[in-house]
Amino acid sequence: MDATEVAPMNVQPNAASPPLTPAAQAGVDLATHLERVRAHRSELHESLAAVVLALEAPIARGGMWRERVRAALAELAHDFEDHVALTESPGGLYDRLRHDAPRLSGPVDRLAAEHRELHAAIHGYLAVLEHGGTLADLPVFREELTVLAGRLVRHRQKGGDLVYEAYDVDLGGSD
């Protein structure tokens, strides 16, 4: 064969790929799981943004303001429950972090504790809105929900920081 000829490649069409090693499979599984986390993170961001937008509307609209905030908060409650399931379920993100980066177990435990506090707060405010509780001071109620939204933003930030510290993967800040 001279320099201008190309050696034929021994490629068989439809040849089966060799099986992945356990380490390679774990990497694929982690990548797939982190992609689910990233997608859900975006949904949680959107529902949180909807709550903030609803809170910004004029309180003078009374019932309309209240219904808008209730609807946005109900969606946030649903997305937050999905977030807890995705992170805390067996084999979920927190199990993976504890296994892959044991040094981060303390911060992971703190995030799980925040889940219980945030869940109680979200559902407490939602109950007031859904069951017609008296909101004698709407500006105070709005301020409390705004503080809760800030806590949720910080919770997302801490979770993103942990994933980055463990895997050097940026989950994204605003989406």
Protein backbone atom coordinates (compact mmCIF):
# COMPACT_ATOMS: atom_id res chain seq x y z
CA MET A 1 0.00 0.00 0.00
CA ASP A 2 1.49 3.36 -0.95
CA ALA A 3 1.07 6.70 0.85
CA THR A 4 -2.00 7.67 -1.20
CA GLU A 5 -3.99 4.56 -0.32
CA VAL A 6 -6.11 4.40 2.83
CA ALA A 7 -6.15 1.20 4.77
CA PRO A 8 -9.67 -0.23 5.00
CA MET A 9 -11.23 -0.06 8.45
CA ASN A 10 -12.57 -3.19 10.00
CA VAL A 11 -15.98 -1.82 11.03
CA GLN A 12 -18.97 -4.07 11.26
CA PRO A 13 -22.32 -2.39 10.89
CA ASN A 14 -24.73 -2.95 13.75
CA ALA A 15 -21.98 -4.41 15.92
CA ALA A 16 -22.95 -4.42 19.56
CA SER A 17 -21.18 -1.86 21.72
CA PRO A 18 -19.06 -3.32 24.45
CA PRO A 19 -20.78 -3.22 27.83
CA LEU A 20 -19.95 -0.27 30.04
CA THR A 21 -17.77 -0.86 33.04
CA PRO A 22 -19.50 -0.31 36.40
CA ALA A 23 -17.60 2.97 36.81
CA ALA A 24 -18.62 4.16 33.34
CA GLN A 25 -22.24 3.13 33.98
CA ALA A 26 -22.21 5.05 37.26
CA GLY A 27 -21.00 8.11 35.35
CA VAL A 28 -23.81 7.76 32.81
CA ASP A 29 -26.35 7.28 35.60
CA LEU A 30 -25.03 10.34 37.45
CA ALA A 31 -25.12 12.44 34.30
CA THR A 32 -28.71 11.35 33.63
CA HIS A 33 -29.71 12.05 37.23
CA LEU A 34 -28.05 15.48 37.22
CA GLU A 35 -29.88 16.31 33.99
CA ARG A 36 -33.18 15.49 35.77
CA VAL A 37 -32.09 17.67 38.69
CA ARG A 38 -31.22 20.51 36.29
CA ALA A 39 -34.60 20.25 34.53
CA HIS A 40 -36.50 20.20 37.78
CA ARG A 41 -34.40 23.06 39.12
CA SER A 42 -35.66 25.12 36.19
CA GLU A 43 -39.29 24.26 37.01
CA LEU A 44 -38.77 25.22 40.65
CA HIS A 45 -37.19 28.51 39.56
CA GLU A 46 -40.18 29.28 37.34
CA SER A 47 -42.73 28.56 40.05
CA LEU A 48 -40.76 30.64 42.55
CA ALA A 49 -40.60 33.51 40.05
CA ALA A 50 -44.38 33.25 39.60
CA VAL A 51 -44.86 33.65 43.36
CA VAL A 52 -42.62 36.72 43.42
CA LEU A 53 -44.48 38.19 40.45
CA ALA A 54 -47.85 37.56 42.13
CA LEU A 55 -46.60 39.20 45.33
CA GLU A 56 -45.58 42.31 43.36
CA ALA A 57 -49.14 42.93 42.15
CA PRO A 58 -51.07 45.70 43.93
CA ILE A 59 -52.64 44.49 47.17
CA ALA A 60 -55.52 46.91 46.60
CA ARG A 61 -56.97 44.32 44.22
CA GLY A 62 -57.82 42.28 47.33
CA GLY A 63 -59.44 39.02 46.22
CA MET A 64 -57.70 39.02 42.85
CA TRP A 65 -54.30 39.51 44.52
CA ARG A 66 -55.04 36.78 47.00
CA GLU A 67 -56.15 34.28 44.31
CA ARG A 68 -53.14 35.01 42.15
CA VAL A 69 -50.76 34.47 45.08
CA ARG A 70 -52.63 31.30 46.09
CA ALA A 71 -52.38 29.81 42.59
CA ALA A 72 -48.66 30.60 42.32
CA LEU A 73 -47.99 29.27 45.81
CA ALA A 74 -49.91 26.05 45.08
CA GLU A 75 -47.69 25.43 42.03
CA LEU A 76 -44.60 26.19 44.10
CA ALA A 77 -45.77 23.72 46.78
CA HIS A 78 -46.14 21.01 44.13
CA ASP A 79 -42.72 21.72 42.59
CA PHE A 80 -41.10 21.86 46.03
CA GLU A 81 -42.53 18.43 46.91
CA ASP A 82 -41.07 17.11 43.64
CA HIS A 83 -37.75 18.69 44.61
CA VAL A 84 -37.77 16.95 47.99
CA ALA A 85 -38.60 13.61 46.35
CA LEU A 86 -35.83 14.00 43.77
CA THR A 87 -33.23 14.91 46.35
CA GLU A 88 -34.21 12.84 49.40
CA SER A 89 -35.58 9.62 47.91
CA PRO A 90 -33.42 6.47 48.13
CA GLY A 91 -30.81 6.76 45.39
CA GLY A 92 -31.64 10.45 45.02
CA LEU A 93 -29.22 13.34 44.90
CA TYR A 94 -28.56 13.46 48.64
CA ASP A 95 -27.79 9.73 48.81
CA ARG A 96 -25.41 10.15 45.88
CA LEU A 97 -23.72 13.14 47.51
CA ARG A 98 -23.29 11.29 50.81
CA HIS A 99 -21.77 8.33 48.95
CA ASP A 100 -19.62 10.20 46.44
CA ALA A 101 -18.54 13.09 48.70
CA PRO A 102 -18.89 12.02 52.36
CA ARG A 103 -17.24 15.27 53.47
CA LEU A 104 -20.44 17.04 52.36
CA SER A 105 -22.77 14.98 54.59
CA GLY A 106 -23.17 17.85 57.08
CA PRO A 107 -24.33 20.38 54.49
CA VAL A 108 -26.55 17.73 52.89
CA ASP A 109 -28.20 17.07 56.26
CA ARG A 110 -28.74 20.81 56.74
CA LEU A 111 -30.44 21.07 53.35
CA ALA A 112 -32.70 18.14 54.25
CA ALA A 113 -33.61 19.90 57.51
CA GLU A 114 -34.40 23.05 55.53
CA HIS A 115 -36.79 20.97 53.42
CA ARG A 116 -38.95 20.26 56.46
CA GLU A 117 -38.95 23.93 57.52
CA LEU A 118 -39.65 25.25 54.03
CA HIS A 119 -42.38 22.65 53.40
CA ALA A 120 -44.13 23.66 56.64
CA ALA A 121 -43.90 27.35 55.79
CA ILE A 122 -45.14 26.97 52.20
CA HIS A 123 -48.08 24.82 53.27
CA GLY A 124 -48.88 27.08 56.22
CA TYR A 125 -49.23 30.15 54.01
CA LEU A 126 -51.08 28.14 51.39
CA ALA A 127 -53.57 26.93 54.01
CA VAL A 128 -54.33 30.51 55.02
CA LEU A 129 -54.98 31.43 51.39
CA GLU A 130 -56.99 28.31 50.55
CA HIS A 131 -59.20 28.27 53.61
CA GLY A 132 -60.09 31.93 53.60
CA GLY A 133 -58.11 32.79 56.70
CA THR A 134 -58.30 36.39 57.76
CA LEU A 135 -55.51 38.46 56.41
CA ALA A 136 -55.94 41.57 58.49
CA ASP A 137 -52.61 42.97 57.37
CA LEU A 138 -51.92 42.10 53.74
CA PRO A 139 -48.65 44.07 53.60
CA VAL A 140 -47.27 42.00 56.50
CA PHE A 141 -48.46 38.77 54.85
CA ARG A 142 -46.80 39.81 51.60
CA GLU A 143 -43.56 40.63 53.42
CA GLU A 144 -43.54 37.23 55.12
CA LEU A 145 -44.01 35.47 51.77
CA THR A 146 -41.27 37.61 50.23
CA VAL A 147 -38.91 36.52 53.00
CA LEU A 148 -39.91 32.89 52.34
CA ALA A 149 -39.13 33.36 48.63
CA GLY A 150 -35.68 34.63 49.60
CA ARG A 151 -35.12 31.57 51.78
CA LEU A 152 -36.03 29.33 48.83
CA VAL A 153 -33.59 31.19 46.56
CA ARG A 154 -30.80 30.69 49.11
CA HIS A 155 -31.74 27.01 49.48
CA ARG A 156 -31.39 26.52 45.70
CA GLN A 157 -28.05 28.33 45.78
CA LYS A 158 -26.71 26.07 48.53
CA GLY A 159 -27.87 22.97 46.66
CA GLY A 160 -26.22 24.15 43.46
CA ASP A 161 -23.01 24.92 45.35
CA LEU A 162 -22.96 21.41 46.85
CA VAL A 163 -23.38 19.73 43.47
CA TYR A 164 -20.61 21.88 42.07
CA GLU A 165 -18.31 21.09 44.99
CA ALA A 166 -18.97 17.34 44.69
CA TYR A 167 -19.03 16.90 40.91
CA ASP A 168 -17.69 20.13 39.38
CA VAL A 169 -21.03 20.48 37.60
CA ASP A 170 -22.86 23.78 37.31
CA LEU A 171 -26.62 23.22 37.55
CA GLY A 172 -27.29 26.77 36.39
CA GLY A 173 -28.31 29.80 38.34
CA SER A 174 -31.35 31.32 36.73
CA ASP A 175 -32.88 28.46 34.82
